[in-house]
Amino acid sequence: MTKVGVIGATGMAGSAIFRETQKVGFEVTAIVRNSSKAKELLGDNIEFLEKDAFELTKSDLADFDVLVNAFSTAPSQAYQHVDLAAHLIRLFRETDQPRLIFILGAGSLYTGEDQHLVVEDIKKTPGSENWIVTPENQLSELHFLQEVKNVNWVGISPGASFVSGPAADTILYGKEELLADKNGQSETTSGTMAKVIVKEIQEPTHKKERFTVANG
């Protein structure tokens, strides 16, 4: 049975991923700082590992086939996106297991006729100065991962809007460009992200690269 660990399993993305991996029959463990919160949200009988993500050791994680990093934090600590990626990569240099799946941001995607980064559009949004550091650090996280050649990793970016909700009936797939549906809306629901991750676990298609998905 495929063993999956989900870092940040009580968050919007993490909880959806936990439930979807559980639904298809994977042996899934919630990796969380607060087990009481995890049990309340995900069920009393769940498997969990209660530990700060930055204190995870190789022995804590070595038995997982797949490790999903659904970590999120406040803008004031956005640098931790890069720090945690670096921590996990350091643990598993020169290995193929576990496979590391990182949920990245949409800011690192390209858009427009001039193919500029989405993060440049975000900077022009009123009030973005309060949270722009998050997409900026997620861009740095991608740049870091792109230099990693000796770890089995894959990154997935959502659409411009990443919100809670069920999986879409139609899912759009892309590589480096921001996706939008026929109405011009670029949105990815947590259910869609979870469904895509399960598919990627079942049928590995991407290795040491980032791809993007959106609701169709």
N, C-alpha and C. Protein backbone atom coordinates (compact mmCIF):
# COMPACT_ATOMS: atom_id res chain seq x y z
N MET A 1 0.84 -1.20 0.00
CA MET A 1 0.00 0.00 0.00
C MET A 1 0.88 1.25 0.00
N THR A 2 0.51 2.21 -0.82
CA THR A 2 1.27 3.45 -0.91
C THR A 2 1.15 4.26 0.38
N LYS A 3 2.28 4.65 0.94
CA LYS A 3 2.30 5.41 2.18
C LYS A 3 2.56 6.89 1.85
N VAL A 4 1.63 7.75 2.28
CA VAL A 4 1.70 9.17 1.97
C VAL A 4 1.72 9.98 3.26
N GLY A 5 2.61 10.93 3.35
CA GLY A 5 2.61 11.88 4.45
C GLY A 5 2.23 13.26 3.93
N VAL A 6 1.38 13.96 4.66
CA VAL A 6 0.94 15.29 4.25
C VAL A 6 1.35 16.30 5.31
N ILE A 7 2.32 17.13 4.97
CA ILE A 7 2.73 18.22 5.86
C ILE A 7 1.73 19.36 5.72
N GLY A 8 1.18 19.80 6.86
CA GLY A 8 0.17 20.86 6.82
C GLY A 8 -1.21 20.31 6.52
N ALA A 9 -1.51 19.15 7.08
CA ALA A 9 -2.76 18.46 6.74
C ALA A 9 -4.01 19.12 7.31
N THR A 10 -3.87 20.14 8.14
CA THR A 10 -5.05 20.84 8.66
C THR A 10 -5.35 22.10 7.87
N GLY A 11 -4.53 22.44 6.89
CA GLY A 11 -4.77 23.62 6.07
C GLY A 11 -5.77 23.36 4.97
N MET A 12 -6.08 24.39 4.20
CA MET A 12 -7.07 24.25 3.12
C MET A 12 -6.66 23.17 2.12
N ALA A 13 -5.46 23.30 1.60
CA ALA A 13 -4.99 22.32 0.62
C ALA A 13 -4.69 20.99 1.28
N GLY A 14 -3.99 21.03 2.40
CA GLY A 14 -3.58 19.81 3.07
C GLY A 14 -4.72 18.91 3.48
N SER A 15 -5.79 19.49 4.01
CA SER A 15 -6.93 18.67 4.45
C SER A 15 -7.63 18.02 3.26
N ALA A 16 -7.73 18.74 2.15
CA ALA A 16 -8.33 18.16 0.94
C ALA A 16 -7.48 17.02 0.40
N ILE A 17 -6.16 17.21 0.43
CA ILE A 17 -5.25 16.17 -0.05
C ILE A 17 -5.31 14.96 0.87
N PHE A 18 -5.35 15.20 2.17
CA PHE A 18 -5.45 14.09 3.12
C PHE A 18 -6.70 13.26 2.84
N ARG A 19 -7.83 13.93 2.70
CA ARG A 19 -9.09 13.20 2.49
C ARG A 19 -9.10 12.44 1.17
N GLU A 20 -8.55 13.05 0.12
CA GLU A 20 -8.56 12.40 -1.18
C GLU A 20 -7.63 11.19 -1.21
N THR A 21 -6.47 11.31 -0.61
CA THR A 21 -5.56 10.17 -0.57
C THR A 21 -6.13 9.05 0.29
N GLN A 22 -6.82 9.42 1.35
CA GLN A 22 -7.48 8.44 2.21
C GLN A 22 -8.60 7.73 1.44
N LYS A 23 -9.33 8.50 0.66
CA LYS A 23 -10.48 7.96 -0.08
C LYS A 23 -10.08 6.89 -1.09
N VAL A 24 -8.93 7.07 -1.74
CA VAL A 24 -8.51 6.12 -2.76
C VAL A 24 -7.75 4.94 -2.17
N GLY A 25 -7.58 4.92 -0.86
CA GLY A 25 -7.00 3.75 -0.23
C GLY A 25 -5.53 3.82 0.12
N PHE A 26 -4.92 5.00 -0.01
CA PHE A 26 -3.52 5.14 0.42
C PHE A 26 -3.46 5.11 1.94
N GLU A 27 -2.31 4.72 2.45
CA GLU A 27 -2.06 4.80 3.88
C GLU A 27 -1.49 6.19 4.16
N VAL A 28 -2.32 7.08 4.68
CA VAL A 28 -1.94 8.49 4.77
C VAL A 28 -1.78 8.93 6.22
N THR A 29 -0.75 9.73 6.44
CA THR A 29 -0.45 10.26 7.77
C THR A 29 -0.47 11.79 7.73
N ALA A 30 -1.17 12.38 8.67
CA ALA A 30 -1.19 13.84 8.80
C ALA A 30 0.02 14.27 9.62
N ILE A 31 0.87 15.11 9.03
CA ILE A 31 2.05 15.61 9.73
C ILE A 31 1.73 17.03 10.17
N VAL A 32 1.50 17.19 11.46
CA VAL A 32 0.93 18.44 11.98
C VAL A 32 1.59 18.83 13.31
N ARG A 33 1.42 20.08 13.67
CA ARG A 33 1.91 20.55 14.96
C ARG A 33 0.90 20.32 16.07
N ASN A 34 -0.38 20.20 15.70
CA ASN A 34 -1.44 20.07 16.69
C ASN A 34 -2.32 18.87 16.34
N SER A 35 -2.11 17.75 17.02
CA SER A 35 -2.86 16.54 16.71
C SER A 35 -4.34 16.65 17.08
N SER A 36 -4.65 17.42 18.10
CA SER A 36 -6.05 17.60 18.51
C SER A 36 -6.84 18.28 17.41
N LYS A 37 -6.24 19.31 16.82
CA LYS A 37 -6.87 20.02 15.71
C LYS A 37 -7.03 19.09 14.52
N ALA A 38 -6.05 18.27 14.27
CA ALA A 38 -6.11 17.34 13.14
C ALA A 38 -7.22 16.32 13.33
N LYS A 39 -7.34 15.79 14.53
CA LYS A 39 -8.39 14.80 14.80
C LYS A 39 -9.77 15.43 14.68
N GLU A 40 -9.91 16.65 15.15
CA GLU A 40 -11.19 17.35 15.07
C GLU A 40 -11.60 17.59 13.62
N LEU A 41 -10.61 17.89 12.79
CA LEU A 41 -10.89 18.22 11.39
C LEU A 41 -10.99 16.98 10.51
N LEU A 42 -10.15 15.98 10.76
CA LEU A 42 -10.00 14.86 9.83
C LEU A 42 -10.53 13.53 10.37
N GLY A 43 -10.80 13.47 11.68
CA GLY A 43 -11.35 12.24 12.25
C GLY A 43 -10.48 11.72 13.38
N ASP A 44 -11.13 11.08 14.34
CA ASP A 44 -10.43 10.61 15.54
C ASP A 44 -9.45 9.48 15.26
N ASN A 45 -9.70 8.72 14.19
CA ASN A 45 -8.90 7.52 13.97
C ASN A 45 -7.79 7.69 12.93
N ILE A 46 -7.44 8.91 12.62
CA ILE A 46 -6.42 9.15 11.61
C ILE A 46 -5.02 8.80 12.13
N GLU A 47 -4.13 8.50 11.22
CA GLU A 47 -2.71 8.37 11.54
C GLU A 47 -2.11 9.78 11.52
N PHE A 48 -1.31 10.10 12.53
CA PHE A 48 -0.71 11.42 12.55
C PHE A 48 0.70 11.37 13.12
N LEU A 49 1.48 12.35 12.74
CA LEU A 49 2.81 12.58 13.29
C LEU A 49 2.81 14.02 13.79
N GLU A 50 2.86 14.20 15.10
CA GLU A 50 2.80 15.53 15.69
C GLU A 50 4.21 16.07 15.88
N LYS A 51 4.59 16.99 14.99
CA LYS A 51 5.94 17.53 15.04
C LYS A 51 6.02 18.77 14.18
N ASP A 52 6.79 19.73 14.60
CA ASP A 52 7.04 20.90 13.79
C ASP A 52 7.76 20.47 12.51
N ALA A 53 7.34 21.00 11.38
CA ALA A 53 7.89 20.57 10.09
C ALA A 53 9.40 20.77 10.02
N PHE A 54 9.90 21.79 10.68
CA PHE A 54 11.33 22.09 10.62
C PHE A 54 12.16 21.18 11.53
N GLU A 55 11.47 20.39 12.35
CA GLU A 55 12.17 19.45 13.22
C GLU A 55 12.08 18.02 12.71
N LEU A 56 11.43 17.83 11.55
CA LEU A 56 11.32 16.50 10.97
C LEU A 56 12.70 15.98 10.59
N THR A 57 12.92 14.69 10.86
CA THR A 57 14.20 14.06 10.55
C THR A 57 14.01 13.06 9.42
N LYS A 58 15.12 12.61 8.89
CA LYS A 58 15.08 11.61 7.83
C LYS A 58 14.40 10.33 8.31
N SER A 59 14.67 9.95 9.54
CA SER A 59 14.05 8.73 10.08
C SER A 59 12.55 8.89 10.26
N ASP A 60 12.09 10.12 10.53
CA ASP A 60 10.65 10.38 10.65
C ASP A 60 9.93 10.10 9.33
N LEU A 61 10.62 10.36 8.22
CA LEU A 61 9.96 10.41 6.91
C LEU A 61 10.38 9.31 5.95
N ALA A 62 11.40 8.56 6.28
CA ALA A 62 11.99 7.62 5.34
C ALA A 62 11.05 6.51 4.88
N ASP A 63 10.05 6.17 5.68
CA ASP A 63 9.15 5.07 5.32
C ASP A 63 8.03 5.49 4.37
N PHE A 64 7.88 6.79 4.14
CA PHE A 64 6.83 7.24 3.22
C PHE A 64 7.28 7.04 1.78
N ASP A 65 6.33 6.65 0.94
CA ASP A 65 6.59 6.58 -0.50
C ASP A 65 6.51 7.98 -1.11
N VAL A 66 5.58 8.79 -0.59
CA VAL A 66 5.35 10.14 -1.09
C VAL A 66 5.17 11.08 0.09
N LEU A 67 5.76 12.25 -0.01
CA LEU A 67 5.60 13.29 1.00
C LEU A 67 5.07 14.54 0.31
N VAL A 68 3.89 15.00 0.71
CA VAL A 68 3.27 16.18 0.11
C VAL A 68 3.49 17.37 1.04
N ASN A 69 4.11 18.41 0.54
CA ASN A 69 4.34 19.61 1.32
C ASN A 69 3.23 20.62 1.03
N ALA A 70 2.24 20.65 1.92
CA ALA A 70 1.13 21.60 1.80
C ALA A 70 1.25 22.69 2.86
N PHE A 71 2.46 22.95 3.27
CA PHE A 71 2.75 23.94 4.31
C PHE A 71 2.33 25.35 3.86
N SER A 72 1.76 26.08 4.79
CA SER A 72 1.43 27.49 4.53
C SER A 72 1.67 28.27 5.82
N THR A 73 1.91 29.56 5.66
CA THR A 73 2.20 30.37 6.84
C THR A 73 1.79 31.81 6.58
N ALA A 74 1.85 32.62 7.61
CA ALA A 74 1.49 34.04 7.49
C ALA A 74 2.54 34.76 6.65
N PRO A 75 2.14 35.84 5.96
CA PRO A 75 3.10 36.61 5.14
C PRO A 75 4.35 37.03 5.90
N SER A 76 4.22 37.30 7.19
CA SER A 76 5.39 37.73 7.96
C SER A 76 6.47 36.65 8.06
N GLN A 77 6.08 35.41 7.78
CA GLN A 77 7.04 34.30 7.83
C GLN A 77 7.12 33.58 6.48
N ALA A 78 6.84 34.30 5.43
CA ALA A 78 6.78 33.69 4.09
C ALA A 78 8.11 33.06 3.68
N TYR A 79 9.20 33.56 4.23
CA TYR A 79 10.52 32.99 3.92
C TYR A 79 10.61 31.50 4.28
N GLN A 80 9.70 31.05 5.14
CA GLN A 80 9.73 29.65 5.56
C GLN A 80 9.37 28.69 4.43
N HIS A 81 8.71 29.19 3.38
CA HIS A 81 8.44 28.32 2.23
C HIS A 81 9.76 27.82 1.64
N VAL A 82 10.71 28.72 1.49
CA VAL A 82 12.02 28.35 0.97
C VAL A 82 12.78 27.51 1.99
N ASP A 83 12.71 27.91 3.24
CA ASP A 83 13.45 27.20 4.29
C ASP A 83 13.00 25.75 4.41
N LEU A 84 11.68 25.51 4.36
CA LEU A 84 11.19 24.14 4.50
C LEU A 84 11.54 23.30 3.29
N ALA A 85 11.44 23.89 2.11
CA ALA A 85 11.85 23.16 0.91
C ALA A 85 13.32 22.75 1.02
N ALA A 86 14.15 23.66 1.47
CA ALA A 86 15.57 23.37 1.61
C ALA A 86 15.80 22.28 2.66
N HIS A 87 15.05 22.32 3.74
CA HIS A 87 15.17 21.32 4.80
C HIS A 87 14.82 19.93 4.26
N LEU A 88 13.71 19.82 3.54
CA LEU A 88 13.27 18.52 3.03
C LEU A 88 14.24 17.99 1.96
N ILE A 89 14.68 18.89 1.10
CA ILE A 89 15.64 18.48 0.07
C ILE A 89 16.93 17.98 0.71
N ARG A 90 17.40 18.68 1.73
CA ARG A 90 18.65 18.29 2.40
C ARG A 90 18.53 16.88 2.99
N LEU A 91 17.36 16.54 3.51
CA LEU A 91 17.17 15.22 4.12
C LEU A 91 17.28 14.08 3.12
N PHE A 92 16.93 14.37 1.87
CA PHE A 92 16.80 13.26 0.91
C PHE A 92 17.67 13.41 -0.33
N ARG A 93 18.82 14.08 -0.17
CA ARG A 93 19.79 14.15 -1.26
C ARG A 93 20.22 12.73 -1.65
N GLU A 94 20.37 12.53 -2.98
CA GLU A 94 20.83 11.26 -3.53
C GLU A 94 19.88 10.10 -3.23
N THR A 95 18.58 10.40 -3.16
CA THR A 95 17.58 9.35 -2.94
C THR A 95 16.43 9.51 -3.92
N ASP A 96 15.65 8.45 -4.09
CA ASP A 96 14.43 8.50 -4.90
C ASP A 96 13.18 8.39 -4.05
N GLN A 97 13.33 8.03 -2.79
CA GLN A 97 12.19 7.87 -1.90
C GLN A 97 12.46 8.59 -0.58
N PRO A 98 11.43 9.30 -0.07
CA PRO A 98 10.11 9.50 -0.67
C PRO A 98 10.14 10.47 -1.85
N ARG A 99 9.13 10.37 -2.66
CA ARG A 99 8.93 11.38 -3.70
C ARG A 99 8.35 12.62 -3.03
N LEU A 100 8.93 13.78 -3.30
CA LEU A 100 8.50 15.02 -2.65
C LEU A 100 7.62 15.82 -3.61
N ILE A 101 6.41 16.13 -3.16
CA ILE A 101 5.49 16.93 -3.96
C ILE A 101 5.28 18.28 -3.25
N PHE A 102 5.60 19.36 -3.95
CA PHE A 102 5.50 20.70 -3.38
C PHE A 102 4.34 21.45 -4.04
N ILE A 103 3.47 22.04 -3.22
CA ILE A 103 2.45 22.94 -3.74
C ILE A 103 3.07 24.33 -3.79
N LEU A 104 3.21 24.84 -4.99
CA LEU A 104 3.83 26.15 -5.20
C LEU A 104 2.77 27.21 -5.43
N GLY A 105 3.19 28.41 -5.81
CA GLY A 105 2.24 29.49 -6.04
C GLY A 105 2.01 29.75 -7.52
N ALA A 106 1.02 30.58 -7.81
CA ALA A 106 0.75 30.98 -9.20
C ALA A 106 1.64 32.13 -9.64
N GLY A 107 2.25 32.83 -8.69
CA GLY A 107 3.06 34.00 -9.02
C GLY A 107 4.25 33.68 -9.91
N SER A 108 4.69 32.43 -9.90
CA SER A 108 5.85 32.02 -10.68
C SER A 108 5.49 31.59 -12.10
N LEU A 109 4.21 31.65 -12.44
CA LEU A 109 3.77 31.32 -13.80
C LEU A 109 3.89 32.54 -14.70
N TYR A 110 3.85 32.31 -15.99
CA TYR A 110 3.94 33.39 -16.98
C TYR A 110 2.56 33.69 -17.56
N THR A 111 2.36 34.92 -17.98
CA THR A 111 1.07 35.30 -18.54
C THR A 111 1.25 36.49 -19.49
N GLY A 112 0.24 36.74 -20.31
CA GLY A 112 0.26 37.89 -21.21
C GLY A 112 1.08 37.67 -22.46
N GLU A 113 0.90 38.54 -23.43
CA GLU A 113 1.64 38.44 -24.69
C GLU A 113 3.14 38.60 -24.49
N ASP A 114 3.50 39.38 -23.48
CA ASP A 114 4.94 39.59 -23.22
C ASP A 114 5.53 38.54 -22.28
N GLN A 115 4.67 37.58 -21.85
CA GLN A 115 5.12 36.48 -21.00
C GLN A 115 5.84 36.98 -19.73
N HIS A 116 5.16 37.87 -19.01
CA HIS A 116 5.71 38.33 -17.74
C HIS A 116 5.22 37.42 -16.62
N LEU A 117 5.88 37.48 -15.50
CA LEU A 117 5.50 36.67 -14.35
C LEU A 117 4.22 37.22 -13.71
N VAL A 118 3.37 36.30 -13.27
CA VAL A 118 2.12 36.69 -12.61
C VAL A 118 2.40 37.53 -11.37
N VAL A 119 3.52 37.28 -10.70
CA VAL A 119 3.84 38.04 -9.49
C VAL A 119 3.94 39.54 -9.79
N GLU A 120 4.30 39.90 -11.02
CA GLU A 120 4.36 41.31 -11.38
C GLU A 120 2.97 41.93 -11.41
N ASP A 121 1.98 41.17 -11.83
CA ASP A 121 0.59 41.66 -11.79
C ASP A 121 0.10 41.76 -10.36
N ILE A 122 0.49 40.80 -9.53
CA ILE A 122 0.06 40.80 -8.13
C ILE A 122 0.56 42.07 -7.44
N LYS A 123 1.77 42.48 -7.76
CA LYS A 123 2.34 43.68 -7.13
C LYS A 123 1.51 44.93 -7.40
N LYS A 124 0.77 44.93 -8.51
CA LYS A 124 -0.04 46.08 -8.88
C LYS A 124 -1.43 46.06 -8.23
N THR A 125 -1.76 44.98 -7.52
CA THR A 125 -3.06 44.85 -6.87
C THR A 125 -3.10 45.71 -5.62
N PRO A 126 -4.11 46.55 -5.44
CA PRO A 126 -4.20 47.39 -4.24
C PRO A 126 -4.15 46.54 -2.97
N GLY A 127 -3.32 46.92 -2.05
CA GLY A 127 -3.20 46.20 -0.78
C GLY A 127 -2.23 45.04 -0.81
N SER A 128 -1.67 44.75 -1.97
CA SER A 128 -0.78 43.59 -2.08
C SER A 128 0.50 43.74 -1.27
N GLU A 129 0.83 44.96 -0.91
CA GLU A 129 2.06 45.16 -0.14
C GLU A 129 2.02 44.41 1.20
N ASN A 130 0.80 44.03 1.63
CA ASN A 130 0.65 43.32 2.90
C ASN A 130 0.93 41.82 2.78
N TRP A 131 0.92 41.31 1.55
CA TRP A 131 1.11 39.86 1.40
C TRP A 131 1.93 39.45 0.18
N ILE A 132 2.48 40.41 -0.54
CA ILE A 132 3.24 40.09 -1.75
C ILE A 132 4.46 39.21 -1.45
N VAL A 133 4.93 39.25 -0.21
CA VAL A 133 6.10 38.44 0.14
C VAL A 133 5.83 36.94 -0.01
N THR A 134 4.55 36.55 0.10
CA THR A 134 4.25 35.12 -0.05
C THR A 134 4.49 34.64 -1.47
N PRO A 135 3.86 35.23 -2.50
CA PRO A 135 4.18 34.78 -3.86
C PRO A 135 5.64 35.00 -4.24
N GLU A 136 6.27 36.04 -3.69
CA GLU A 136 7.68 36.26 -3.99
C GLU A 136 8.54 35.12 -3.44
N ASN A 137 8.23 34.68 -2.25
CA ASN A 137 9.00 33.58 -1.66
C ASN A 137 8.67 32.24 -2.31
N GLN A 138 7.44 32.07 -2.78
CA GLN A 138 7.10 30.85 -3.50
C GLN A 138 7.83 30.81 -4.85
N LEU A 139 8.07 31.97 -5.44
CA LEU A 139 8.88 32.04 -6.65
C LEU A 139 10.31 31.63 -6.34
N SER A 140 10.83 32.11 -5.23
CA SER A 140 12.18 31.73 -4.81
C SER A 140 12.26 30.23 -4.52
N GLU A 141 11.19 29.68 -3.97
CA GLU A 141 11.14 28.25 -3.70
C GLU A 141 11.26 27.45 -5.00
N LEU A 142 10.53 27.88 -6.03
CA LEU A 142 10.62 27.20 -7.32
C LEU A 142 12.04 27.31 -7.88
N HIS A 143 12.62 28.49 -7.83
CA HIS A 143 13.97 28.67 -8.34
C HIS A 143 14.95 27.74 -7.63
N PHE A 144 14.78 27.59 -6.33
CA PHE A 144 15.63 26.67 -5.57
C PHE A 144 15.44 25.24 -6.06
N LEU A 145 14.19 24.81 -6.18
CA LEU A 145 13.92 23.43 -6.59
C LEU A 145 14.45 23.14 -7.99
N GLN A 146 14.38 24.12 -8.86
CA GLN A 146 14.84 23.90 -10.23
C GLN A 146 16.33 23.60 -10.33
N GLU A 147 17.06 23.90 -9.28
CA GLU A 147 18.49 23.60 -9.25
C GLU A 147 18.78 22.24 -8.61
N VAL A 148 17.73 21.58 -8.13
CA VAL A 148 17.91 20.29 -7.44
C VAL A 148 17.82 19.16 -8.46
N LYS A 149 18.90 18.42 -8.63
CA LYS A 149 18.96 17.36 -9.64
C LYS A 149 19.03 15.96 -9.03
N ASN A 150 19.25 15.87 -7.72
CA ASN A 150 19.48 14.56 -7.12
C ASN A 150 18.45 14.19 -6.06
N VAL A 151 17.25 14.74 -6.18
CA VAL A 151 16.12 14.38 -5.31
C VAL A 151 14.89 14.22 -6.19
N ASN A 152 14.04 13.29 -5.85
CA ASN A 152 12.84 12.99 -6.64
C ASN A 152 11.71 13.94 -6.24
N TRP A 153 11.64 15.09 -6.90
CA TRP A 153 10.65 16.10 -6.52
C TRP A 153 9.77 16.49 -7.70
N VAL A 154 8.61 17.06 -7.40
CA VAL A 154 7.73 17.66 -8.41
C VAL A 154 6.98 18.80 -7.74
N GLY A 155 6.75 19.89 -8.48
CA GLY A 155 6.00 21.03 -7.96
C GLY A 155 4.72 21.24 -8.75
N ILE A 156 3.69 21.73 -8.08
CA ILE A 156 2.41 21.99 -8.74
C ILE A 156 1.93 23.39 -8.36
N SER A 157 1.65 24.22 -9.36
CA SER A 157 1.11 25.56 -9.13
C SER A 157 -0.37 25.60 -9.46
N PRO A 158 -1.18 26.27 -8.64
CA PRO A 158 -2.60 26.45 -8.95
C PRO A 158 -2.81 27.63 -9.89
N GLY A 159 -4.07 27.94 -10.17
CA GLY A 159 -4.40 29.13 -10.93
C GLY A 159 -4.24 30.38 -10.08
N ALA A 160 -4.61 31.52 -10.64
CA ALA A 160 -4.45 32.79 -9.94
C ALA A 160 -5.21 32.82 -8.62
N SER A 161 -6.33 32.14 -8.57
CA SER A 161 -7.13 32.03 -7.35
C SER A 161 -7.10 30.58 -6.87
N PHE A 162 -6.63 30.37 -5.66
CA PHE A 162 -6.58 29.03 -5.07
C PHE A 162 -7.51 29.03 -3.88
N VAL A 163 -8.65 28.35 -4.01
CA VAL A 163 -9.72 28.45 -3.02
C VAL A 163 -10.23 27.06 -2.61
N SER A 164 -10.90 27.04 -1.49
CA SER A 164 -11.51 25.80 -1.02
C SER A 164 -12.71 25.44 -1.91
N GLY A 165 -12.86 24.15 -2.20
CA GLY A 165 -13.99 23.73 -3.01
C GLY A 165 -13.76 22.34 -3.58
N PRO A 166 -14.81 21.75 -4.13
CA PRO A 166 -14.70 20.40 -4.68
C PRO A 166 -13.91 20.39 -5.99
N ALA A 167 -13.52 19.21 -6.40
CA ALA A 167 -12.79 19.06 -7.66
C ALA A 167 -13.67 19.43 -8.83
N ALA A 168 -13.08 20.06 -9.82
CA ALA A 168 -13.81 20.43 -11.04
C ALA A 168 -14.05 19.19 -11.89
N ASP A 169 -15.13 19.21 -12.68
CA ASP A 169 -15.39 18.11 -13.61
C ASP A 169 -14.34 18.07 -14.71
N THR A 170 -13.88 19.25 -15.11
CA THR A 170 -12.84 19.35 -16.13
C THR A 170 -11.63 20.04 -15.52
N ILE A 171 -10.46 19.44 -15.70
CA ILE A 171 -9.23 19.98 -15.14
C ILE A 171 -8.28 20.33 -16.28
N LEU A 172 -7.75 21.55 -16.24
CA LEU A 172 -6.79 22.02 -17.24
C LEU A 172 -5.37 21.77 -16.74
N TYR A 173 -4.50 21.34 -17.63
CA TYR A 173 -3.10 21.08 -17.29
C TYR A 173 -2.18 21.95 -18.15
N GLY A 174 -1.12 22.45 -17.54
CA GLY A 174 -0.15 23.23 -18.29
C GLY A 174 1.23 23.09 -17.67
N LYS A 175 2.18 23.84 -18.22
CA LYS A 175 3.57 23.78 -17.75
C LYS A 175 3.99 25.06 -17.03
N GLU A 176 4.16 26.12 -17.80
CA GLU A 176 4.73 27.35 -17.25
C GLU A 176 3.81 28.56 -17.36
N GLU A 177 2.70 28.42 -18.08
CA GLU A 177 1.81 29.56 -18.30
C GLU A 177 0.54 29.45 -17.45
N LEU A 178 0.07 30.60 -16.97
CA LEU A 178 -1.16 30.66 -16.18
C LEU A 178 -2.33 30.17 -17.03
N LEU A 179 -3.14 29.29 -16.44
CA LEU A 179 -4.29 28.72 -17.14
C LEU A 179 -5.57 29.45 -16.78
N ALA A 180 -6.52 29.46 -17.69
CA ALA A 180 -7.83 30.05 -17.45
C ALA A 180 -8.88 29.26 -18.21
N ASP A 181 -10.10 29.24 -17.69
CA ASP A 181 -11.18 28.53 -18.37
C ASP A 181 -11.72 29.36 -19.53
N LYS A 182 -12.75 28.87 -20.18
CA LYS A 182 -13.28 29.55 -21.36
C LYS A 182 -13.85 30.93 -21.06
N ASN A 183 -14.12 31.17 -19.78
CA ASN A 183 -14.63 32.49 -19.37
C ASN A 183 -13.51 33.42 -18.90
N GLY A 184 -12.30 32.95 -19.02
CA GLY A 184 -11.17 33.77 -18.61
C GLY A 184 -10.85 33.72 -17.13
N GLN A 185 -11.51 32.82 -16.39
CA GLN A 185 -11.29 32.72 -14.96
C GLN A 185 -10.15 31.73 -14.67
N SER A 186 -9.20 32.15 -13.87
CA SER A 186 -8.08 31.30 -13.49
C SER A 186 -8.23 30.92 -12.03
N GLU A 187 -8.79 29.76 -11.80
CA GLU A 187 -9.07 29.32 -10.44
C GLU A 187 -8.77 27.83 -10.29
N THR A 188 -8.25 27.48 -9.15
CA THR A 188 -8.02 26.07 -8.79
C THR A 188 -8.62 25.85 -7.41
N THR A 189 -9.49 24.89 -7.29
CA THR A 189 -10.05 24.56 -5.99
C THR A 189 -9.17 23.53 -5.29
N SER A 190 -9.30 23.47 -3.97
CA SER A 190 -8.51 22.51 -3.19
C SER A 190 -8.82 21.07 -3.61
N GLY A 191 -10.09 20.83 -3.97
CA GLY A 191 -10.46 19.49 -4.42
C GLY A 191 -9.79 19.11 -5.73
N THR A 192 -9.67 20.08 -6.62
CA THR A 192 -8.96 19.84 -7.88
C THR A 192 -7.49 19.54 -7.62
N MET A 193 -6.85 20.33 -6.77
CA MET A 193 -5.44 20.09 -6.44
C MET A 193 -5.26 18.70 -5.85
N ALA A 194 -6.16 18.32 -4.95
CA ALA A 194 -6.06 17.00 -4.31
C ALA A 194 -6.21 15.88 -5.33
N LYS A 195 -7.16 16.03 -6.23
CA LYS A 195 -7.40 15.01 -7.25
C LYS A 195 -6.19 14.87 -8.16
N VAL A 196 -5.59 15.98 -8.53
CA VAL A 196 -4.41 15.97 -9.39
C VAL A 196 -3.23 15.30 -8.69
N ILE A 197 -3.06 15.58 -7.41
CA ILE A 197 -1.96 14.98 -6.67
C ILE A 197 -2.13 13.47 -6.57
N VAL A 198 -3.35 13.02 -6.31
CA VAL A 198 -3.60 11.58 -6.27
C VAL A 198 -3.28 10.94 -7.61
N LYS A 199 -3.69 11.58 -8.69
CA LYS A 199 -3.40 11.06 -10.03
C LYS A 199 -1.89 11.00 -10.27
N GLU A 200 -1.18 12.03 -9.83
CA GLU A 200 0.27 12.06 -10.02
C GLU A 200 0.97 10.98 -9.19
N ILE A 201 0.41 10.66 -8.04
CA ILE A 201 0.96 9.58 -7.22
C ILE A 201 0.71 8.23 -7.89
N GLN A 202 -0.50 8.06 -8.39
CA GLN A 202 -0.86 6.80 -9.03
C GLN A 202 -0.16 6.60 -10.37
N GLU A 203 -0.04 7.67 -11.11
CA GLU A 203 0.57 7.61 -12.45
C GLU A 203 1.63 8.71 -12.57
N PRO A 204 2.81 8.50 -12.03
CA PRO A 204 3.86 9.52 -12.07
C PRO A 204 4.17 9.98 -13.50
N THR A 205 3.99 11.26 -13.73
CA THR A 205 4.17 11.82 -15.07
C THR A 205 5.26 12.88 -15.10
N HIS A 206 5.43 13.59 -13.98
CA HIS A 206 6.39 14.69 -13.91
C HIS A 206 7.50 14.36 -12.92
N LYS A 207 8.71 14.72 -13.27
CA LYS A 207 9.85 14.47 -12.38
C LYS A 207 10.82 15.64 -12.47
N LYS A 208 11.14 16.19 -11.31
CA LYS A 208 12.08 17.30 -11.20
C LYS A 208 11.65 18.47 -12.09
N GLU A 209 10.35 18.77 -12.03
CA GLU A 209 9.81 19.89 -12.78
C GLU A 209 8.53 20.38 -12.12
N ARG A 210 8.07 21.55 -12.56
CA ARG A 210 6.82 22.12 -12.07
C ARG A 210 5.78 22.07 -13.20
N PHE A 211 4.54 21.79 -12.83
CA PHE A 211 3.43 21.94 -13.77
C PHE A 211 2.31 22.68 -13.07
N THR A 212 1.28 23.02 -13.81
CA THR A 212 0.19 23.80 -13.25
C THR A 212 -1.17 23.22 -13.64
N VAL A 213 -2.16 23.43 -12.79
CA VAL A 213 -3.51 22.92 -13.04
C VAL A 213 -4.53 23.99 -12.66
N ALA A 214 -5.69 23.94 -13.31
CA ALA A 214 -6.77 24.87 -13.00
C ALA A 214 -8.10 24.21 -13.31
N ASN A 215 -9.14 24.75 -12.71
CA ASN A 215 -10.48 24.27 -13.02
C ASN A 215 -10.84 24.65 -14.44
N GLY A 216 -11.42 23.70 -15.19
CA GLY A 216 -11.81 23.96 -16.57
C GLY A 216 -13.23 24.48 -16.68
